[in-house]
Amino acid sequence: MMAMYMAMKIMDGSQAYEFIFSVSVYKKYQDDVDAILIAEGKQDLIKR
């Protein structure tokens, strides 16, 4: 659920990928967010 929320925020442009994952608590969701972005065809938003 949290990963979907983060992915939606990244896709709608209200949060930057780099900003979200600069917070260490959120790093555990990074793989799930990446998978969601890829599934939605938004892999260009992934900044590792």
Protein backbone atom coordinates (compact mmCIF):
# COMPACT_ATOMS: atom_id res chain seq x y z
CA MET A 1 0.00 0.00 0.00
CA MET A 2 2.78 2.45 0.91
CA ALA A 3 4.74 1.60 -2.24
CA MET A 4 1.67 2.33 -4.39
CA TYR A 5 1.18 5.67 -2.63
CA MET A 6 4.82 6.61 -3.24
CA ALA A 7 4.63 5.53 -6.88
CA MET A 8 1.50 7.61 -7.41
CA LYS A 9 3.20 10.67 -5.89
CA ILE A 10 6.19 10.19 -8.19
CA MET A 11 3.99 9.69 -11.27
CA ASP A 12 1.84 12.76 -10.59
CA GLY A 13 4.96 14.87 -10.06
CA SER A 14 4.23 15.93 -6.48
CA GLN A 15 7.34 14.12 -5.14
CA ALA A 16 10.71 13.47 -6.69
CA TYR A 17 12.04 9.91 -6.77
CA GLU A 18 15.39 11.06 -5.40
CA PHE A 19 13.77 12.96 -2.53
CA ILE A 20 11.59 10.06 -1.38
CA PHE A 21 14.44 7.58 -1.34
CA SER A 22 16.86 9.98 0.31
CA VAL A 23 14.88 9.16 3.47
CA SER A 24 16.36 5.93 4.86
CA VAL A 25 13.03 4.72 6.31
CA TYR A 26 11.53 4.59 2.79
CA LYS A 27 14.37 2.65 1.13
CA LYS A 28 12.68 -0.65 2.01
CA TYR A 29 9.92 0.26 -0.48
CA GLN A 30 12.25 1.17 -3.35
CA ASP A 31 12.14 -2.20 -5.17
CA ASP A 32 8.34 -2.29 -4.98
CA VAL A 33 8.04 1.31 -6.20
CA ASP A 34 10.42 0.52 -9.07
CA ALA A 35 8.29 -2.49 -10.05
CA ILE A 36 5.12 -0.37 -10.01
CA LEU A 37 6.70 2.37 -12.11
CA ILE A 38 7.96 -0.18 -14.63
CA ALA A 39 4.55 -1.86 -14.80
CA GLU A 40 2.97 1.54 -15.48
CA GLY A 41 5.47 2.29 -18.25
CA LYS A 42 7.10 5.07 -16.24
CA GLN A 43 10.59 3.59 -15.88
CA ASP A 44 12.01 6.94 -16.99
CA LEU A 45 11.09 8.27 -13.53
CA ILE A 46 13.45 5.82 -11.79
CA LYS A 47 16.64 7.65 -10.80
CA ARG A 48 19.16 5.34 -9.14
